[in-house]
Amino acid sequence: MHILSVVLQIILGLGFLMFGFMKFGSKQMVEGFNHYGYSSWFRVFTGIVEVVSAILVIAGIWYEALAAWGSVIILITMIGAIMTHIKINDNVKQMGMPIMLFILGLVVFLINYDALI
């Protein structure tokens, strides 16, 4: 199971680093957050949260408790993303990425949960 967790942590970590940094000024993200009805400060805050969660998940390769905490932040963030898509009446296809990231984050959490105990 450790190899599965490491692979998922790398995928999640790199993905959240990319999406987190994009939130600091990507035209696509600026337009997206405007479309969702969120302000610029919330876009930047979300980017910071995503970068922090990515760092925790990647560091969790060596310290499993960090992977568990990082994945909790990812789960909360993805619940917010899914709720945003529901709020603006997006279809399930448009919710695909947040749902997939939620599932991957949940698997990483479940694999590393024992490190919290």
C-alpha atoms as a PDB file:
ATOM      1  CA  MET A   1       0.000   0.000   0.000  1.00  0.00           C
ATOM      2  CA  HIS A   2       2.875   2.366   0.615  1.00  0.00           C
ATOM      3  CA  ILE A   3       3.755   2.541  -3.092  1.00  0.00           C
ATOM      4  CA  LEU A   4       0.139   3.353  -4.000  1.00  0.00           C
ATOM      5  CA  SER A   5       0.118   6.129  -1.425  1.00  0.00           C
ATOM      6  CA  VAL A   6       3.394   7.602  -2.687  1.00  0.00           C
ATOM      7  CA  VAL A   7       2.176   7.578  -6.295  1.00  0.00           C
ATOM      8  CA  LEU A   8      -1.108   9.241  -5.318  1.00  0.00           C
ATOM      9  CA  GLN A   9       0.704  11.767  -3.120  1.00  0.00           C
ATOM     10  CA  ILE A  10       2.963  12.750  -6.023  1.00  0.00           C
ATOM     11  CA  ILE A  11      -0.026  13.107  -8.375  1.00  0.00           C
ATOM     12  CA  LEU A  12      -2.031  15.122  -5.841  1.00  0.00           C
ATOM     13  CA  GLY A  13       0.960  17.183  -4.744  1.00  0.00           C
ATOM     14  CA  LEU A  14       2.024  18.172  -8.243  1.00  0.00           C
ATOM     15  CA  GLY A  15      -1.558  18.793  -9.323  1.00  0.00           C
ATOM     16  CA  PHE A  16      -2.331  20.987  -6.343  1.00  0.00           C
ATOM     17  CA  LEU A  17       0.934  22.884  -6.738  1.00  0.00           C
ATOM     18  CA  MET A  18       0.026  23.598 -10.361  1.00  0.00           C
ATOM     19  CA  PHE A  19      -3.593  24.578  -9.672  1.00  0.00           C
ATOM     20  CA  GLY A  20      -2.617  26.516  -6.548  1.00  0.00           C
ATOM     21  CA  PHE A  21      -0.020  28.628  -8.356  1.00  0.00           C
ATOM     22  CA  MET A  22      -2.438  29.182 -11.244  1.00  0.00           C
ATOM     23  CA  LYS A  23      -4.862  30.812  -8.818  1.00  0.00           C
ATOM     24  CA  PHE A  24      -2.374  33.628  -8.201  1.00  0.00           C
ATOM     25  CA  GLY A  25      -2.980  35.190 -11.598  1.00  0.00           C
ATOM     26  CA  SER A  26      -3.962  32.807 -14.381  1.00  0.00           C
ATOM     27  CA  LYS A  27      -6.500  34.511 -16.644  1.00  0.00           C
ATOM     28  CA  GLN A  28      -8.539  31.304 -16.684  1.00  0.00           C
ATOM     29  CA  MET A  29      -8.685  31.170 -12.880  1.00  0.00           C
ATOM     30  CA  VAL A  30      -9.506  34.876 -12.561  1.00  0.00           C
ATOM     31  CA  GLU A  31     -12.404  34.443 -14.995  1.00  0.00           C
ATOM     32  CA  GLY A  32     -13.509  31.218 -13.312  1.00  0.00           C
ATOM     33  CA  PHE A  33     -13.670  32.730  -9.835  1.00  0.00           C
ATOM     34  CA  ASN A  34     -15.537  35.748 -11.223  1.00  0.00           C
ATOM     35  CA  HIS A  35     -17.996  33.343 -12.870  1.00  0.00           C
ATOM     36  CA  TYR A  36     -18.474  31.522  -9.572  1.00  0.00           C
ATOM     37  CA  GLY A  37     -19.146  34.837  -7.823  1.00  0.00           C
ATOM     38  CA  TYR A  38     -15.995  34.828  -5.679  1.00  0.00           C
ATOM     39  CA  SER A  39     -13.667  37.762  -5.079  1.00  0.00           C
ATOM     40  CA  SER A  40      -9.969  38.016  -5.866  1.00  0.00           C
ATOM     41  CA  TRP A  41      -8.907  37.619  -2.230  1.00  0.00           C
ATOM     42  CA  PHE A  42     -10.748  34.279  -2.061  1.00  0.00           C
ATOM     43  CA  ARG A  43      -9.022  33.101  -5.249  1.00  0.00           C
ATOM     44  CA  VAL A  44      -5.619  33.933  -3.736  1.00  0.00           C
ATOM     45  CA  PHE A  45      -6.597  32.350  -0.393  1.00  0.00           C
ATOM     46  CA  THR A  46      -7.652  29.186  -2.227  1.00  0.00           C
ATOM     47  CA  GLY A  47      -4.315  29.164  -4.058  1.00  0.00           C
ATOM     48  CA  ILE A  48      -2.410  29.416  -0.789  1.00  0.00           C
ATOM     49  CA  VAL A  49      -4.481  26.596   0.748  1.00  0.00           C
ATOM     50  CA  GLU A  50      -3.836  24.403  -2.292  1.00  0.00           C
ATOM     51  CA  VAL A  51      -0.082  25.047  -2.270  1.00  0.00           C
ATOM     52  CA  VAL A  52       0.118  24.319   1.476  1.00  0.00           C
ATOM     53  CA  SER A  53      -1.879  21.099   1.070  1.00  0.00           C
ATOM     54  CA  ALA A  54       0.385  20.061  -1.826  1.00  0.00           C
ATOM     55  CA  ILE A  55       3.513  20.629   0.258  1.00  0.00           C
ATOM     56  CA  LEU A  56       2.036  18.618   3.139  1.00  0.00           C
ATOM     57  CA  VAL A  57       1.026  15.735   0.871  1.00  0.00           C
ATOM     58  CA  ILE A  58       4.451  15.614  -0.774  1.00  0.00           C
ATOM     59  CA  ALA A  59       6.246  15.865   2.582  1.00  0.00           C
ATOM     60  CA  GLY A  60       3.970  13.039   3.690  1.00  0.00           C
ATOM     61  CA  ILE A  61       6.038  10.684   1.562  1.00  0.00           C
ATOM     62  CA  TRP A  62       8.544  10.817   4.435  1.00  0.00           C
ATOM     63  CA  TYR A  63       6.195  11.723   7.333  1.00  0.00           C
ATOM     64  CA  GLU A  64       2.865   9.935   6.898  1.00  0.00           C
ATOM     65  CA  ALA A  65       0.980  12.180   9.327  1.00  0.00           C
ATOM     66  CA  LEU A  66       1.642  15.137   7.021  1.00  0.00           C
ATOM     67  CA  ALA A  67       0.070  13.205   4.136  1.00  0.00           C
ATOM     68  CA  ALA A  68      -3.013  12.609   6.263  1.00  0.00           C
ATOM     69  CA  TRP A  69      -3.312  16.296   7.228  1.00  0.00           C
ATOM     70  CA  GLY A  70      -2.646  17.468   3.677  1.00  0.00           C
ATOM     71  CA  SER A  71      -5.288  15.130   2.338  1.00  0.00           C
ATOM     72  CA  VAL A  72      -7.797  16.444   4.894  1.00  0.00           C
ATOM     73  CA  ILE A  73      -7.214  19.955   3.547  1.00  0.00           C
ATOM     74  CA  ILE A  74      -7.639  18.613   0.001  1.00  0.00           C
ATOM     75  CA  LEU A  75     -10.910  16.907   0.973  1.00  0.00           C
ATOM     76  CA  ILE A  76     -12.297  20.105   2.486  1.00  0.00           C
ATOM     77  CA  THR A  77     -11.174  22.145  -0.529  1.00  0.00           C
ATOM     78  CA  MET A  78     -12.762  19.703  -2.964  1.00  0.00           C
ATOM     79  CA  ILE A  79     -16.027  19.667  -1.010  1.00  0.00           C
ATOM     80  CA  GLY A  80     -16.032  23.454  -1.438  1.00  0.00           C
ATOM     81  CA  ALA A  81     -15.314  23.108  -5.161  1.00  0.00           C
ATOM     82  CA  ILE A  82     -18.088  20.542  -5.633  1.00  0.00           C
ATOM     83  CA  MET A  83     -20.531  22.717  -3.669  1.00  0.00           C
ATOM     84  CA  THR A  84     -19.594  25.696  -5.858  1.00  0.00           C
ATOM     85  CA  HIS A  85     -20.381  23.708  -9.006  1.00  0.00           C
ATOM     86  CA  ILE A  86     -23.709  22.636  -7.488  1.00  0.00           C
ATOM     87  CA  LYS A  87     -24.451  26.263  -6.487  1.00  0.00           C
ATOM     88  CA  ILE A  88     -24.082  27.492 -10.071  1.00  0.00           C
ATOM     89  CA  ASN A  89     -25.978  24.484 -11.474  1.00  0.00           C
ATOM     90  CA  ASP A  90     -23.052  22.943 -13.349  1.00  0.00           C
ATOM     91  CA  ASN A  91     -23.556  19.446 -14.700  1.00  0.00           C
ATOM     92  CA  VAL A  92     -21.747  16.405 -13.307  1.00  0.00           C
ATOM     93  CA  LYS A  93     -19.211  16.465 -16.169  1.00  0.00           C
ATOM     94  CA  GLN A  94     -18.018  19.895 -15.033  1.00  0.00           C
ATOM     95  CA  MET A  95     -17.627  18.513 -11.499  1.00  0.00           C
ATOM     96  CA  GLY A  96     -15.457  15.640 -12.712  1.00  0.00           C
ATOM     97  CA  MET A  97     -12.076  17.017 -11.680  1.00  0.00           C
ATOM     98  CA  PRO A  98     -13.081  18.024  -8.125  1.00  0.00           C
ATOM     99  CA  ILE A  99     -14.814  14.661  -7.653  1.00  0.00           C
ATOM    100  CA  MET A 100     -11.758  12.774  -8.900  1.00  0.00           C
ATOM    101  CA  LEU A 101      -9.416  14.819  -6.678  1.00  0.00           C
ATOM    102  CA  PHE A 102     -11.738  14.239  -3.721  1.00  0.00           C
ATOM    103  CA  ILE A 103     -11.592  10.478  -4.281  1.00  0.00           C
ATOM    104  CA  LEU A 104      -7.781  10.506  -4.625  1.00  0.00           C
ATOM    105  CA  GLY A 105      -7.499  12.642  -1.489  1.00  0.00           C
ATOM    106  CA  LEU A 106      -9.784  10.258   0.376  1.00  0.00           C
ATOM    107  CA  VAL A 107      -7.657   7.263  -0.618  1.00  0.00           C
ATOM    108  CA  VAL A 108      -4.475   9.029   0.547  1.00  0.00           C
ATOM    109  CA  PHE A 109      -6.188   9.917   3.822  1.00  0.00           C
ATOM    110  CA  LEU A 110      -7.404   6.364   4.419  1.00  0.00           C
ATOM    111  CA  ILE A 111      -3.975   4.893   3.659  1.00  0.00           C
ATOM    112  CA  ASN A 112      -2.207   7.331   6.007  1.00  0.00           C
ATOM    113  CA  TYR A 113      -4.881   7.661   8.703  1.00  0.00           C
ATOM    114  CA  ASP A 114      -3.036   5.355  11.084  1.00  0.00           C
ATOM    115  CA  ALA A 115      -0.171   7.862  11.292  1.00  0.00           C
ATOM    116  CA  LEU A 116      -2.526  10.256  13.115  1.00  0.00           C
ATOM    117  CA  ILE A 117      -3.339   7.804  15.865  1.00  0.00           C
END
